[in-house]
Amino acid sequence: MWLLVQSENENETVGCISDEDFQQLPDKYKKLLKENCSDIQKSQEELIFSFLNYEIADQVSQQITKYEKNKYRSESRALNLHLLSSGIYKQEDIEQLFEIQQGRCYYTGKELVKKPKNYTIDHIIPVTKGGSSWPSNLALTLASVNREKHNHSKRKYFSILEKRYGKEWRVKQSEFCKKVNSDRRAVDKVRKKQVSNHLQDFESKLKESFPRVDINYSLEDGDVGLMVDDIGIYFPAGFIRQKKFYSFEYILKITQAVVGKYT
């Protein structure tokens, strides 16, 4: 975190930031700090920037602080959305999607570049509208396209693009998307199968621990559900992406609590 303080020297203003936070700043902000300070010193794990002019220091500080606040808001929003959606995907799924899309943006057909990376992962049905994080609901798009699509549905966004590029373009791009959709379902099937195998493994262990109890631990419409006899335990949408999902001890304790309460 960036902090601006008045130095003991009345003619000098000092700004502090951890070396780790500084390294994570975009290059333009690193350049801004270096070009406007009179001196840089390192104290333990902090970088100290000295400014002879308070007005300049204040202007630089405002820009850095604004960037940090926006980044925090963005990360907080992403975390909240992450917890809202069901499903999971791995980096290998994204690599497969890149190949399936032939290195082209799902919506515009324009080239995607890995280095420097110019694309992001789009939830075709937005998370805020019930979209999942299974591969079947993911598409790789240009970062600018993802920002523009925002919360629009796929149909709505293609209507916007059709006005820009024409009906003939949309027909051609729709054909491309149909092929991608078909191939993407195979990626989705493999990912769900791996998750199901994990659940079945835990289910078998639970049945060994509770041989007289009817237990079913499986995916139901893409969400994780645990049935202990006729008692249903339904986990939050983001549970599948939490460490607890991979902890048998955690699931065992939940089952024990249900068995103990209702038997």
C-alpha atoms as a PDB file:
ATOM      1  CA  MET A   1       0.000   0.000   0.000  1.00  0.00           C
ATOM      2  CA  TRP A   2       1.225   3.475  -0.931  1.00  0.00           C
ATOM      3  CA  LEU A   3       1.566   5.998   1.909  1.00  0.00           C
ATOM      4  CA  LEU A   4       2.527   9.681   1.656  1.00  0.00           C
ATOM      5  CA  VAL A   5       4.030  11.339   4.740  1.00  0.00           C
ATOM      6  CA  GLN A   6       5.722  14.631   5.587  1.00  0.00           C
ATOM      7  CA  SER A   7       9.464  14.287   6.174  1.00  0.00           C
ATOM      8  CA  GLU A   8      11.335  15.850   9.100  1.00  0.00           C
ATOM      9  CA  ASN A   9      12.827  18.088   6.445  1.00  0.00           C
ATOM     10  CA  GLU A  10      10.106  20.685   5.770  1.00  0.00           C
ATOM     11  CA  ASN A  11      11.170  20.956   2.150  1.00  0.00           C
ATOM     12  CA  GLU A  12      10.838  17.236   1.537  1.00  0.00           C
ATOM     13  CA  THR A  13       7.870  14.861   1.275  1.00  0.00           C
ATOM     14  CA  VAL A  14       8.310  11.094   1.482  1.00  0.00           C
ATOM     15  CA  GLY A  15       6.225   8.295   0.018  1.00  0.00           C
ATOM     16  CA  CYS A  16       6.516   4.677   1.186  1.00  0.00           C
ATOM     17  CA  ILE A  17       5.490   1.418  -0.450  1.00  0.00           C
ATOM     18  CA  SER A  18       6.540  -2.173   0.153  1.00  0.00           C
ATOM     19  CA  ASP A  19       8.921  -3.599  -2.407  1.00  0.00           C
ATOM     20  CA  GLU A  20       6.414  -6.392  -3.121  1.00  0.00           C
ATOM     21  CA  ASP A  21       3.567  -3.930  -3.784  1.00  0.00           C
ATOM     22  CA  PHE A  22       5.849  -1.800  -5.955  1.00  0.00           C
ATOM     23  CA  GLN A  23       6.742  -4.781  -8.145  1.00  0.00           C
ATOM     24  CA  GLN A  24       3.034  -5.441  -8.706  1.00  0.00           C
ATOM     25  CA  LEU A  25       2.344  -1.903  -9.922  1.00  0.00           C
ATOM     26  CA  PRO A  26       1.809  -1.468 -13.677  1.00  0.00           C
ATOM     27  CA  ASP A  27       4.892  -0.103 -15.457  1.00  0.00           C
ATOM     28  CA  LYS A  28       3.326   3.323 -15.990  1.00  0.00           C
ATOM     29  CA  TYR A  29       3.002   3.854 -12.216  1.00  0.00           C
ATOM     30  CA  LYS A  30       6.536   2.648 -11.568  1.00  0.00           C
ATOM     31  CA  LYS A  31       7.719   5.122 -14.174  1.00  0.00           C
ATOM     32  CA  LEU A  32       5.570   7.881 -12.652  1.00  0.00           C
ATOM     33  CA  LEU A  33       7.194   7.396  -9.254  1.00  0.00           C
ATOM     34  CA  LYS A  34      10.748   7.174 -10.546  1.00  0.00           C
ATOM     35  CA  GLU A  35      10.476  10.202 -12.826  1.00  0.00           C
ATOM     36  CA  ASN A  36       8.965  12.496 -10.190  1.00  0.00           C
ATOM     37  CA  CYS A  37      11.007  11.628  -7.098  1.00  0.00           C
ATOM     38  CA  SER A  38      14.380  13.099  -6.166  1.00  0.00           C
ATOM     39  CA  ASP A  39      15.704   9.994  -4.432  1.00  0.00           C
ATOM     40  CA  ILE A  40      14.847   6.319  -3.805  1.00  0.00           C
ATOM     41  CA  GLN A  41      16.010   4.391  -0.773  1.00  0.00           C
ATOM     42  CA  LYS A  42      15.305   0.873   0.426  1.00  0.00           C
ATOM     43  CA  SER A  43      14.639   0.277   4.121  1.00  0.00           C
ATOM     44  CA  GLN A  44      14.157  -3.390   5.044  1.00  0.00           C
ATOM     45  CA  GLU A  45      11.291  -4.433   2.706  1.00  0.00           C
ATOM     46  CA  GLU A  46      10.102  -0.889   1.921  1.00  0.00           C
ATOM     47  CA  LEU A  47      10.956   1.563  -0.817  1.00  0.00           C
ATOM     48  CA  ILE A  48      11.084   5.213   0.215  1.00  0.00           C
ATOM     49  CA  PHE A  49      10.569   7.868  -2.475  1.00  0.00           C
ATOM     50  CA  SER A  50      11.639  11.426  -1.654  1.00  0.00           C
ATOM     51  CA  PHE A  51      10.001  14.444  -3.326  1.00  0.00           C
ATOM     52  CA  LEU A  52      11.260  18.012  -3.096  1.00  0.00           C
ATOM     53  CA  ASN A  53       7.942  19.451  -4.217  1.00  0.00           C
ATOM     54  CA  TYR A  54       4.849  18.597  -2.130  1.00  0.00           C
ATOM     55  CA  GLU A  55       2.435  19.439  -4.951  1.00  0.00           C
ATOM     56  CA  ILE A  56       4.097  16.965  -7.277  1.00  0.00           C
ATOM     57  CA  ALA A  57       4.230  14.362  -4.506  1.00  0.00           C
ATOM     58  CA  ASP A  58       0.523  14.879  -3.831  1.00  0.00           C
ATOM     59  CA  GLN A  59      -0.397  14.524  -7.517  1.00  0.00           C
ATOM     60  CA  VAL A  60       1.615  11.318  -7.832  1.00  0.00           C
ATOM     61  CA  SER A  61       0.145  10.024  -4.573  1.00  0.00           C
ATOM     62  CA  GLN A  62      -3.417  10.641  -5.735  1.00  0.00           C
ATOM     63  CA  GLN A  63      -2.848   8.628  -8.914  1.00  0.00           C
ATOM     64  CA  ILE A  64      -1.229   5.706  -7.066  1.00  0.00           C
ATOM     65  CA  THR A  65      -3.934   5.704  -4.381  1.00  0.00           C
ATOM     66  CA  LYS A  66      -6.701   5.805  -6.976  1.00  0.00           C
ATOM     67  CA  TYR A  67      -5.160   2.852  -8.802  1.00  0.00           C
ATOM     68  CA  GLU A  68      -4.894   0.848  -5.566  1.00  0.00           C
ATOM     69  CA  LYS A  69      -8.515   1.589  -4.597  1.00  0.00           C
ATOM     70  CA  ASN A  70      -9.795   0.580  -8.032  1.00  0.00           C
ATOM     71  CA  LYS A  71      -7.727  -2.599  -7.929  1.00  0.00           C
ATOM     72  CA  TYR A  72      -9.102  -3.473  -4.488  1.00  0.00           C
ATOM     73  CA  ARG A  73     -12.690  -2.902  -5.645  1.00  0.00           C
ATOM     74  CA  SER A  74     -12.093  -4.996  -8.760  1.00  0.00           C
ATOM     75  CA  GLU A  75     -10.539  -7.866  -6.781  1.00  0.00           C
ATOM     76  CA  SER A  76     -13.323  -7.766  -4.182  1.00  0.00           C
ATOM     77  CA  ARG A  77     -15.977  -7.854  -6.909  1.00  0.00           C
ATOM     78  CA  ALA A  78     -14.227 -10.733  -8.661  1.00  0.00           C
ATOM     79  CA  LEU A  79     -14.050 -12.670  -5.376  1.00  0.00           C
ATOM     80  CA  ASN A  80     -17.751 -12.152  -4.689  1.00  0.00           C
ATOM     81  CA  LEU A  81     -18.685 -13.262  -8.204  1.00  0.00           C
ATOM     82  CA  HIS A  82     -16.361 -16.236  -7.874  1.00  0.00           C
ATOM     83  CA  LEU A  83     -18.299 -17.418  -4.822  1.00  0.00           C
ATOM     84  CA  LEU A  84     -21.647 -16.997  -6.572  1.00  0.00           C
ATOM     85  CA  SER A  85     -21.056 -19.376  -9.465  1.00  0.00           C
ATOM     86  CA  SER A  86     -21.127 -23.158  -9.427  1.00  0.00           C
ATOM     87  CA  GLY A  87     -18.585 -25.294 -11.244  1.00  0.00           C
ATOM     88  CA  ILE A  88     -14.851 -25.215 -11.698  1.00  0.00           C
ATOM     89  CA  TYR A  89     -12.268 -25.070 -14.477  1.00  0.00           C
ATOM     90  CA  LYS A  90      -8.532 -25.666 -14.646  1.00  0.00           C
ATOM     91  CA  GLN A  91      -5.763 -24.054 -16.654  1.00  0.00           C
ATOM     92  CA  GLU A  92      -5.668 -27.101 -18.915  1.00  0.00           C
ATOM     93  CA  ASP A  93      -9.323 -26.408 -19.809  1.00  0.00           C
ATOM     94  CA  ILE A  94      -8.402 -22.859 -20.815  1.00  0.00           C
ATOM     95  CA  GLU A  95      -5.548 -24.158 -22.964  1.00  0.00           C
ATOM     96  CA  GLN A  96      -7.987 -26.489 -24.709  1.00  0.00           C
ATOM     97  CA  LEU A  97     -10.460 -23.655 -25.242  1.00  0.00           C
ATOM     98  CA  PHE A  98      -7.679 -21.620 -26.858  1.00  0.00           C
ATOM     99  CA  GLU A  99      -7.067 -24.453 -29.330  1.00  0.00           C
ATOM    100  CA  ILE A 100     -10.783 -25.054 -29.914  1.00  0.00           C
ATOM    101  CA  GLN A 101     -11.274 -21.351 -30.689  1.00  0.00           C
ATOM    102  CA  GLN A 102      -8.238 -21.485 -32.992  1.00  0.00           C
ATOM    103  CA  GLY A 103      -6.677 -18.640 -31.049  1.00  0.00           C
ATOM    104  CA  ARG A 104      -9.572 -16.342 -31.978  1.00  0.00           C
ATOM    105  CA  CYS A 105     -11.967 -14.262 -29.890  1.00  0.00           C
ATOM    106  CA  TYR A 106     -15.248 -16.107 -29.375  1.00  0.00           C
ATOM    107  CA  TYR A 107     -17.376 -13.062 -30.168  1.00  0.00           C
ATOM    108  CA  THR A 108     -15.390 -11.111 -32.761  1.00  0.00           C
ATOM    109  CA  GLY A 109     -13.124 -13.717 -34.328  1.00  0.00           C
ATOM    110  CA  LYS A 110     -10.100 -11.459 -33.868  1.00  0.00           C
ATOM    111  CA  GLU A 111      -6.713 -12.899 -32.933  1.00  0.00           C
ATOM    112  CA  LEU A 112      -5.898 -13.762 -29.332  1.00  0.00           C
ATOM    113  CA  VAL A 113      -2.277 -13.376 -28.249  1.00  0.00           C
ATOM    114  CA  LYS A 114      -0.634 -15.223 -25.344  1.00  0.00           C
ATOM    115  CA  LYS A 115       2.389 -12.932 -24.972  1.00  0.00           C
ATOM    116  CA  PRO A 116       1.698 -10.188 -24.207  1.00  0.00           C
ATOM    117  CA  LYS A 117      -1.679 -11.630 -23.199  1.00  0.00           C
ATOM    118  CA  ASN A 118      -4.604  -9.708 -24.689  1.00  0.00           C
ATOM    119  CA  TYR A 119      -7.509 -11.964 -23.720  1.00  0.00           C
ATOM    120  CA  THR A 120      -9.626 -12.908 -20.695  1.00  0.00           C
ATOM    121  CA  ILE A 121     -12.166 -15.556 -19.681  1.00  0.00           C
ATOM    122  CA  ASP A 122     -15.789 -14.591 -20.273  1.00  0.00           C
ATOM    123  CA  HIS A 123     -18.777 -16.229 -18.593  1.00  0.00           C
ATOM    124  CA  ILE A 124     -21.167 -16.534 -21.547  1.00  0.00           C
ATOM    125  CA  ILE A 125     -24.140 -16.432 -19.206  1.00  0.00           C
ATOM    126  CA  PRO A 126     -22.969 -13.802 -16.677  1.00  0.00           C
ATOM    127  CA  VAL A 127     -22.450 -15.022 -13.122  1.00  0.00           C
ATOM    128  CA  THR A 128     -24.834 -12.306 -11.927  1.00  0.00           C
ATOM    129  CA  LYS A 129     -27.520 -13.954 -14.067  1.00  0.00           C
ATOM    130  CA  GLY A 130     -26.905 -17.499 -12.857  1.00  0.00           C
ATOM    131  CA  GLY A 131     -24.017 -18.472 -15.123  1.00  0.00           C
ATOM    132  CA  SER A 132     -21.649 -21.198 -13.926  1.00  0.00           C
ATOM    133  CA  SER A 133     -17.878 -21.570 -13.977  1.00  0.00           C
ATOM    134  CA  TRP A 134     -17.969 -24.924 -15.754  1.00  0.00           C
ATOM    135  CA  PRO A 135     -16.087 -24.968 -19.093  1.00  0.00           C
ATOM    136  CA  SER A 136     -19.413 -25.134 -20.966  1.00  0.00           C
ATOM    137  CA  ASN A 137     -20.098 -21.530 -19.923  1.00  0.00           C
ATOM    138  CA  LEU A 138     -16.645 -20.136 -20.662  1.00  0.00           C
ATOM    139  CA  ALA A 139     -15.235 -18.420 -23.715  1.00  0.00           C
ATOM    140  CA  LEU A 140     -11.933 -16.688 -24.391  1.00  0.00           C
ATOM    141  CA  THR A 141     -12.371 -13.118 -25.591  1.00  0.00           C
ATOM    142  CA  LEU A 142     -10.324 -10.016 -26.141  1.00  0.00           C
ATOM    143  CA  ALA A 143     -10.074  -8.092 -22.869  1.00  0.00           C
ATOM    144  CA  SER A 144     -11.733  -5.083 -24.491  1.00  0.00           C
ATOM    145  CA  VAL A 145     -14.588  -7.280 -25.747  1.00  0.00           C
ATOM    146  CA  ASN A 146     -15.133  -8.762 -22.296  1.00  0.00           C
ATOM    147  CA  ARG A 147     -15.389  -5.274 -20.795  1.00  0.00           C
ATOM    148  CA  GLU A 148     -17.845  -4.186 -23.487  1.00  0.00           C
ATOM    149  CA  LYS A 149     -20.024  -7.294 -23.169  1.00  0.00           C
ATOM    150  CA  HIS A 150     -20.148  -6.860 -19.374  1.00  0.00           C
ATOM    151  CA  ASN A 151     -23.535  -8.197 -18.178  1.00  0.00           C
ATOM    152  CA  HIS A 152     -25.107  -8.512 -21.623  1.00  0.00           C
ATOM    153  CA  SER A 153     -26.466 -11.872 -22.699  1.00  0.00           C
ATOM    154  CA  LYS A 154     -24.810 -13.586 -25.652  1.00  0.00           C
ATOM    155  CA  ARG A 155     -27.826 -12.796 -27.853  1.00  0.00           C
ATOM    156  CA  LYS A 156     -27.842  -9.126 -26.868  1.00  0.00           C
ATOM    157  CA  TYR A 157     -24.118  -8.709 -27.423  1.00  0.00           C
ATOM    158  CA  PHE A 158     -24.250 -10.346 -30.846  1.00  0.00           C
ATOM    159  CA  SER A 159     -27.037  -7.911 -31.761  1.00  0.00           C
ATOM    160  CA  ILE A 160     -24.686  -5.068 -30.846  1.00  0.00           C
ATOM    161  CA  LEU A 161     -21.892  -6.588 -32.936  1.00  0.00           C
ATOM    162  CA  GLU A 162     -24.227  -7.187 -35.884  1.00  0.00           C
ATOM    163  CA  LYS A 163     -25.004  -3.461 -36.059  1.00  0.00           C
ATOM    164  CA  ARG A 164     -21.264  -2.830 -36.154  1.00  0.00           C
ATOM    165  CA  TYR A 165     -20.146  -5.517 -38.616  1.00  0.00           C
ATOM    166  CA  GLY A 166     -23.290  -6.469 -40.541  1.00  0.00           C
ATOM    167  CA  LYS A 167     -25.652  -9.443 -40.830  1.00  0.00           C
ATOM    168  CA  GLU A 168     -23.391 -11.455 -43.119  1.00  0.00           C
ATOM    169  CA  TRP A 169     -20.582 -11.208 -40.562  1.00  0.00           C
ATOM    170  CA  ARG A 170     -22.904 -12.406 -37.787  1.00  0.00           C
ATOM    171  CA  VAL A 171     -23.990 -15.478 -39.748  1.00  0.00           C
ATOM    172  CA  LYS A 172     -20.359 -16.435 -40.330  1.00  0.00           C
ATOM    173  CA  GLN A 173     -19.373 -15.816 -36.701  1.00  0.00           C
ATOM    174  CA  SER A 174     -22.384 -17.762 -35.453  1.00  0.00           C
ATOM    175  CA  GLU A 175     -21.204 -20.801 -37.418  1.00  0.00           C
ATOM    176  CA  PHE A 176     -17.793 -20.487 -35.783  1.00  0.00           C
ATOM    177  CA  CYS A 177     -19.447 -20.325 -32.333  1.00  0.00           C
ATOM    178  CA  LYS A 178     -21.571 -23.417 -33.016  1.00  0.00           C
ATOM    179  CA  LYS A 179     -18.424 -25.436 -33.767  1.00  0.00           C
ATOM    180  CA  VAL A 180     -16.728 -24.071 -30.632  1.00  0.00           C
ATOM    181  CA  ASN A 181     -19.797 -24.876 -28.521  1.00  0.00           C
ATOM    182  CA  SER A 182     -19.822 -28.472 -29.731  1.00  0.00           C
ATOM    183  CA  ASP A 183     -16.117 -29.033 -29.009  1.00  0.00           C
ATOM    184  CA  ARG A 184     -16.309 -27.192 -25.686  1.00  0.00           C
ATOM    185  CA  ARG A 185     -18.927 -29.630 -24.381  1.00  0.00           C
ATOM    186  CA  ALA A 186     -16.288 -32.372 -24.530  1.00  0.00           C
ATOM    187  CA  VAL A 187     -13.995 -30.308 -22.292  1.00  0.00           C
ATOM    188  CA  ASP A 188     -16.890 -29.725 -19.905  1.00  0.00           C
ATOM    189  CA  LYS A 189     -17.718 -33.443 -19.824  1.00  0.00           C
ATOM    190  CA  VAL A 190     -14.144 -34.371 -18.868  1.00  0.00           C
ATOM    191  CA  ARG A 191     -13.991 -31.759 -16.091  1.00  0.00           C
ATOM    192  CA  LYS A 192     -17.331 -32.867 -14.604  1.00  0.00           C
ATOM    193  CA  LYS A 193     -16.234 -36.498 -14.829  1.00  0.00           C
ATOM    194  CA  GLN A 194     -13.096 -35.750 -12.823  1.00  0.00           C
ATOM    195  CA  VAL A 195     -15.150 -33.935 -10.177  1.00  0.00           C
ATOM    196  CA  SER A 196     -17.654 -36.810 -10.083  1.00  0.00           C
ATOM    197  CA  ASN A 197     -14.817 -39.299  -9.589  1.00  0.00           C
ATOM    198  CA  HIS A 198     -13.611 -37.260  -6.616  1.00  0.00           C
ATOM    199  CA  LEU A 199     -17.110 -37.259  -5.124  1.00  0.00           C
ATOM    200  CA  GLN A 200     -17.506 -40.997  -5.676  1.00  0.00           C
ATOM    201  CA  ASP A 201     -14.208 -41.627  -3.924  1.00  0.00           C
ATOM    202  CA  PHE A 202     -15.389 -39.672  -0.871  1.00  0.00           C
ATOM    203  CA  GLU A 203     -18.791 -41.366  -1.050  1.00  0.00           C
ATOM    204  CA  SER A 204     -17.146 -44.800  -0.867  1.00  0.00           C
ATOM    205  CA  LYS A 205     -15.137 -43.760   2.191  1.00  0.00           C
ATOM    206  CA  LEU A 206     -18.254 -42.360   3.867  1.00  0.00           C
ATOM    207  CA  LYS A 207     -20.137 -45.619   3.257  1.00  0.00           C
ATOM    208  CA  GLU A 208     -17.279 -47.534   4.871  1.00  0.00           C
ATOM    209  CA  SER A 209     -17.515 -45.236   7.902  1.00  0.00           C
ATOM    210  CA  PHE A 210     -21.332 -45.473   8.077  1.00  0.00           C
ATOM    211  CA  PRO A 211     -22.303 -48.896   6.651  1.00  0.00           C
ATOM    212  CA  ARG A 212     -25.908 -48.703   7.871  1.00  0.00           C
ATOM    213  CA  VAL A 213     -26.576 -45.271   6.379  1.00  0.00           C
ATOM    214  CA  ASP A 214     -27.668 -44.583   2.813  1.00  0.00           C
ATOM    215  CA  ILE A 215     -25.223 -41.990   1.474  1.00  0.00           C
ATOM    216  CA  ASN A 216     -25.086 -40.227  -1.879  1.00  0.00           C
ATOM    217  CA  TYR A 217     -22.435 -37.600  -2.594  1.00  0.00           C
ATOM    218  CA  SER A 218     -22.669 -36.337  -6.174  1.00  0.00           C
ATOM    219  CA  LEU A 219     -23.228 -33.529  -8.657  1.00  0.00           C
ATOM    220  CA  GLU A 220     -26.818 -32.403  -9.098  1.00  0.00           C
ATOM    221  CA  ASP A 221     -27.318 -29.962 -11.961  1.00  0.00           C
ATOM    222  CA  GLY A 222     -23.675 -28.936 -11.626  1.00  0.00           C
ATOM    223  CA  ASP A 223     -23.811 -28.360  -7.854  1.00  0.00           C
ATOM    224  CA  VAL A 224     -22.472 -30.568  -5.073  1.00  0.00           C
ATOM    225  CA  GLY A 225     -25.084 -32.374  -2.976  1.00  0.00           C
ATOM    226  CA  LEU A 226     -24.772 -34.785  -0.070  1.00  0.00           C
ATOM    227  CA  MET A 227     -27.683 -37.047   0.914  1.00  0.00           C
ATOM    228  CA  VAL A 228     -27.530 -38.848   4.273  1.00  0.00           C
ATOM    229  CA  ASP A 229     -30.555 -41.162   4.270  1.00  0.00           C
ATOM    230  CA  ASP A 230     -33.344 -38.697   3.454  1.00  0.00           C
ATOM    231  CA  ILE A 231     -31.497 -35.618   4.736  1.00  0.00           C
ATOM    232  CA  GLY A 232     -30.075 -33.330   2.042  1.00  0.00           C
ATOM    233  CA  ILE A 233     -27.054 -31.088   2.552  1.00  0.00           C
ATOM    234  CA  TYR A 234     -26.554 -28.570  -0.223  1.00  0.00           C
ATOM    235  CA  PHE A 235     -23.314 -26.636  -0.386  1.00  0.00           C
ATOM    236  CA  PRO A 236     -22.831 -23.034  -1.574  1.00  0.00           C
ATOM    237  CA  ALA A 237     -22.138 -22.594  -5.295  1.00  0.00           C
ATOM    238  CA  GLY A 238     -18.482 -21.698  -4.747  1.00  0.00           C
ATOM    239  CA  PHE A 239     -17.817 -24.670  -2.447  1.00  0.00           C
ATOM    240  CA  ILE A 240     -16.350 -26.732  -5.259  1.00  0.00           C
ATOM    241  CA  ARG A 241     -13.510 -24.206  -5.576  1.00  0.00           C
ATOM    242  CA  GLN A 242     -12.670 -24.110  -1.861  1.00  0.00           C
ATOM    243  CA  LYS A 243     -10.027 -26.170  -0.052  1.00  0.00           C
ATOM    244  CA  LYS A 244     -12.754 -27.754   2.084  1.00  0.00           C
ATOM    245  CA  PHE A 245     -14.074 -29.505  -1.011  1.00  0.00           C
ATOM    246  CA  TYR A 246     -10.898 -31.611  -1.103  1.00  0.00           C
ATOM    247  CA  SER A 247     -10.908 -32.377   2.642  1.00  0.00           C
ATOM    248  CA  PHE A 248     -12.439 -35.748   3.495  1.00  0.00           C
ATOM    249  CA  GLU A 249     -12.236 -34.864   7.194  1.00  0.00           C
ATOM    250  CA  TYR A 250     -14.521 -31.889   6.579  1.00  0.00           C
ATOM    251  CA  ILE A 251     -17.149 -33.991   4.766  1.00  0.00           C
ATOM    252  CA  LEU A 252     -16.824 -36.714   7.396  1.00  0.00           C
ATOM    253  CA  LYS A 253     -17.587 -34.245  10.205  1.00  0.00           C
ATOM    254  CA  ILE A 254     -20.672 -32.986   8.381  1.00  0.00           C
ATOM    255  CA  THR A 255     -21.924 -36.540   7.874  1.00  0.00           C
ATOM    256  CA  GLN A 256     -21.222 -37.431  11.484  1.00  0.00           C
ATOM    257  CA  ALA A 257     -23.215 -34.428  12.644  1.00  0.00           C
ATOM    258  CA  VAL A 258     -26.218 -35.419  10.511  1.00  0.00           C
ATOM    259  CA  VAL A 259     -26.060 -39.081  11.504  1.00  0.00           C
ATOM    260  CA  GLY A 260     -25.727 -38.162  15.176  1.00  0.00           C
ATOM    261  CA  LYS A 261     -28.677 -35.783  15.064  1.00  0.00           C
ATOM    262  CA  TYR A 262     -31.163 -37.933  13.189  1.00  0.00           C
ATOM    263  CA  THR A 263     -30.336 -41.460  14.314  1.00  0.00           C
END
